[in-house]
Amino acid sequence: MTVRECEIAQGILSGLTSKQIAHRLGVSDLTVRKHRENLYRKLNVHSLAELARHCREQAELDN
């Protein structure tokens, strides 16, 4: 994942909306939604729950 995709994922997992993430990162809502689509495609996940599980598993592997 790119640095920006990680920032988007952190926002999503924190429960922020796309608009809130966009505001925090200084980008458009559309940009956040596109990054979300790319994340789901790259990680082969289809839901927020799957994204959260993937991120947890990756964090465990990194430790």
N, C-alpha and C. Protein backbone atom coordinates (compact mmCIF):
# COMPACT_ATOMS: atom_id res chain seq x y z
N MET A 1 0.84 -1.18 0.00
CA MET A 1 0.00 0.00 0.00
C MET A 1 0.88 1.24 0.00
N THR A 2 0.36 2.28 -0.63
CA THR A 2 1.09 3.55 -0.62
C THR A 2 0.88 4.24 0.73
N VAL A 3 1.69 5.24 0.98
CA VAL A 3 1.55 6.01 2.22
C VAL A 3 0.15 6.61 2.30
N ARG A 4 -0.33 7.17 1.20
CA ARG A 4 -1.66 7.79 1.19
C ARG A 4 -2.74 6.75 1.44
N GLU A 5 -2.61 5.57 0.85
CA GLU A 5 -3.59 4.52 1.08
C GLU A 5 -3.60 4.10 2.54
N CYS A 6 -2.44 4.08 3.18
CA CYS A 6 -2.38 3.77 4.61
C CYS A 6 -3.10 4.84 5.41
N GLU A 7 -2.91 6.10 5.04
CA GLU A 7 -3.60 7.20 5.74
C GLU A 7 -5.11 7.07 5.58
N ILE A 8 -5.54 6.72 4.37
CA ILE A 8 -6.97 6.54 4.11
C ILE A 8 -7.49 5.37 4.94
N ALA A 9 -6.77 4.26 4.94
CA ALA A 9 -7.19 3.08 5.71
C ALA A 9 -7.29 3.40 7.19
N GLN A 10 -6.34 4.15 7.72
CA GLN A 10 -6.39 4.52 9.14
C GLN A 10 -7.64 5.34 9.43
N GLY A 11 -7.96 6.26 8.54
CA GLY A 11 -9.17 7.07 8.72
C GLY A 11 -10.42 6.22 8.67
N ILE A 12 -10.48 5.32 7.70
CA ILE A 12 -11.64 4.44 7.58
C ILE A 12 -11.80 3.60 8.83
N LEU A 13 -10.70 3.02 9.30
CA LEU A 13 -10.76 2.15 10.47
C LEU A 13 -11.04 2.92 11.75
N SER A 14 -10.80 4.23 11.73
CA SER A 14 -11.11 5.08 12.88
C SER A 14 -12.58 5.50 12.87
N GLY A 15 -13.29 5.12 11.82
CA GLY A 15 -14.71 5.43 11.74
C GLY A 15 -15.03 6.76 11.09
N LEU A 16 -14.04 7.37 10.45
CA LEU A 16 -14.27 8.65 9.79
C LEU A 16 -14.97 8.44 8.45
N THR A 17 -15.77 9.42 8.05
CA THR A 17 -16.39 9.38 6.74
C THR A 17 -15.37 9.82 5.70
N SER A 18 -15.69 9.57 4.44
CA SER A 18 -14.80 10.01 3.36
C SER A 18 -14.60 11.52 3.40
N LYS A 19 -15.66 12.26 3.69
CA LYS A 19 -15.55 13.72 3.76
C LYS A 19 -14.63 14.15 4.90
N GLN A 20 -14.73 13.49 6.04
CA GLN A 20 -13.87 13.82 7.18
C GLN A 20 -12.41 13.51 6.86
N ILE A 21 -12.17 12.37 6.24
CA ILE A 21 -10.80 11.99 5.86
C ILE A 21 -10.26 13.01 4.86
N ALA A 22 -11.08 13.37 3.88
CA ALA A 22 -10.67 14.34 2.87
C ALA A 22 -10.28 15.66 3.51
N HIS A 23 -11.08 16.12 4.45
CA HIS A 23 -10.80 17.39 5.13
C HIS A 23 -9.47 17.30 5.87
N ARG A 24 -9.26 16.22 6.59
CA ARG A 24 -8.01 16.05 7.36
C ARG A 24 -6.77 15.99 6.48
N LEU A 25 -6.92 15.38 5.30
CA LEU A 25 -5.76 15.20 4.42
C LEU A 25 -5.62 16.31 3.38
N GLY A 26 -6.62 17.18 3.32
CA GLY A 26 -6.57 18.28 2.36
C GLY A 26 -6.75 17.84 0.91
N VAL A 27 -7.60 16.84 0.72
CA VAL A 27 -7.91 16.35 -0.62
C VAL A 27 -9.42 16.33 -0.79
N SER A 28 -9.88 16.02 -1.98
CA SER A 28 -11.32 15.98 -2.23
C SER A 28 -11.92 14.66 -1.75
N ASP A 29 -13.22 14.69 -1.54
CA ASP A 29 -13.97 13.50 -1.16
C ASP A 29 -13.82 12.43 -2.25
N LEU A 30 -13.85 12.85 -3.50
CA LEU A 30 -13.71 11.92 -4.62
C LEU A 30 -12.35 11.22 -4.58
N THR A 31 -11.30 11.95 -4.22
CA THR A 31 -9.96 11.36 -4.11
C THR A 31 -9.95 10.27 -3.05
N VAL A 32 -10.57 10.53 -1.92
CA VAL A 32 -10.63 9.54 -0.85
C VAL A 32 -11.40 8.31 -1.32
N ARG A 33 -12.52 8.52 -1.98
CA ARG A 33 -13.31 7.39 -2.45
C ARG A 33 -12.53 6.55 -3.47
N LYS A 34 -11.75 7.21 -4.32
CA LYS A 34 -10.94 6.49 -5.31
C LYS A 34 -9.85 5.67 -4.61
N HIS A 35 -9.22 6.26 -3.60
CA HIS A 35 -8.21 5.52 -2.84
C HIS A 35 -8.85 4.31 -2.15
N ARG A 36 -10.05 4.49 -1.62
CA ARG A 36 -10.76 3.39 -0.97
C ARG A 36 -11.00 2.26 -1.97
N GLU A 37 -11.47 2.61 -3.16
CA GLU A 37 -11.68 1.60 -4.21
C GLU A 37 -10.39 0.87 -4.53
N ASN A 38 -9.30 1.63 -4.66
CA ASN A 38 -8.00 1.01 -4.95
C ASN A 38 -7.55 0.08 -3.84
N LEU A 39 -7.77 0.50 -2.59
CA LEU A 39 -7.42 -0.35 -1.45
C LEU A 39 -8.17 -1.67 -1.48
N TYR A 40 -9.48 -1.58 -1.67
CA TYR A 40 -10.29 -2.79 -1.69
C TYR A 40 -9.83 -3.72 -2.82
N ARG A 41 -9.53 -3.15 -3.98
CA ARG A 41 -9.09 -3.95 -5.12
C ARG A 41 -7.72 -4.58 -4.85
N LYS A 42 -6.77 -3.78 -4.38
CA LYS A 42 -5.41 -4.29 -4.13
C LYS A 42 -5.39 -5.38 -3.07
N LEU A 43 -6.21 -5.20 -2.04
CA LEU A 43 -6.21 -6.15 -0.93
C LEU A 43 -7.23 -7.27 -1.12
N ASN A 44 -7.99 -7.19 -2.21
CA ASN A 44 -9.03 -8.17 -2.51
C ASN A 44 -10.01 -8.31 -1.35
N VAL A 45 -10.48 -7.16 -0.86
CA VAL A 45 -11.50 -7.14 0.19
C VAL A 45 -12.73 -6.44 -0.38
N HIS A 46 -13.88 -6.71 0.25
CA HIS A 46 -15.13 -6.17 -0.28
C HIS A 46 -15.94 -5.43 0.77
N SER A 47 -15.38 -5.29 1.96
CA SER A 47 -16.13 -4.62 3.02
C SER A 47 -15.17 -4.01 4.03
N LEU A 48 -15.71 -3.14 4.86
CA LEU A 48 -14.92 -2.53 5.91
C LEU A 48 -14.42 -3.59 6.89
N ALA A 49 -15.25 -4.57 7.19
CA ALA A 49 -14.84 -5.64 8.11
C ALA A 49 -13.65 -6.41 7.55
N GLU A 50 -13.67 -6.70 6.26
CA GLU A 50 -12.55 -7.41 5.65
C GLU A 50 -11.29 -6.55 5.66
N LEU A 51 -11.45 -5.26 5.41
CA LEU A 51 -10.31 -4.34 5.44
C LEU A 51 -9.71 -4.31 6.84
N ALA A 52 -10.55 -4.23 7.86
CA ALA A 52 -10.08 -4.20 9.25
C ALA A 52 -9.33 -5.49 9.59
N ARG A 53 -9.88 -6.62 9.18
CA ARG A 53 -9.24 -7.92 9.44
C ARG A 53 -7.87 -7.97 8.76
N HIS A 54 -7.82 -7.55 7.52
CA HIS A 54 -6.54 -7.56 6.79
C HIS A 54 -5.51 -6.68 7.49
N CYS A 55 -5.91 -5.49 7.91
CA CYS A 55 -4.98 -4.57 8.57
C CYS A 55 -4.49 -5.13 9.91
N ARG A 56 -5.38 -5.77 10.66
CA ARG A 56 -4.99 -6.39 11.94
C ARG A 56 -3.97 -7.50 11.69
N GLU A 57 -4.27 -8.35 10.72
CA GLU A 57 -3.36 -9.45 10.41
C GLU A 57 -2.00 -8.93 9.96
N GLN A 58 -1.99 -7.89 9.15
CA GLN A 58 -0.74 -7.31 8.68
C GLN A 58 0.05 -6.71 9.83
N ALA A 59 -0.64 -6.05 10.75
CA ALA A 59 0.03 -5.46 11.92
C ALA A 59 0.67 -6.55 12.77
N GLU A 60 -0.02 -7.68 12.92
CA GLU A 60 0.53 -8.79 13.70
C GLU A 60 1.78 -9.36 13.02
N LEU A 61 1.77 -9.44 11.70
CA LEU A 61 2.93 -9.94 10.97
C LEU A 61 4.11 -8.99 11.08
N ASP A 62 3.82 -7.70 11.12
CA ASP A 62 4.88 -6.69 11.20
C ASP A 62 5.54 -6.66 12.57
N ASN A 63 4.86 -7.16 13.59
CA ASN A 63 5.41 -7.15 14.95
C ASN A 63 6.16 -8.38 15.23
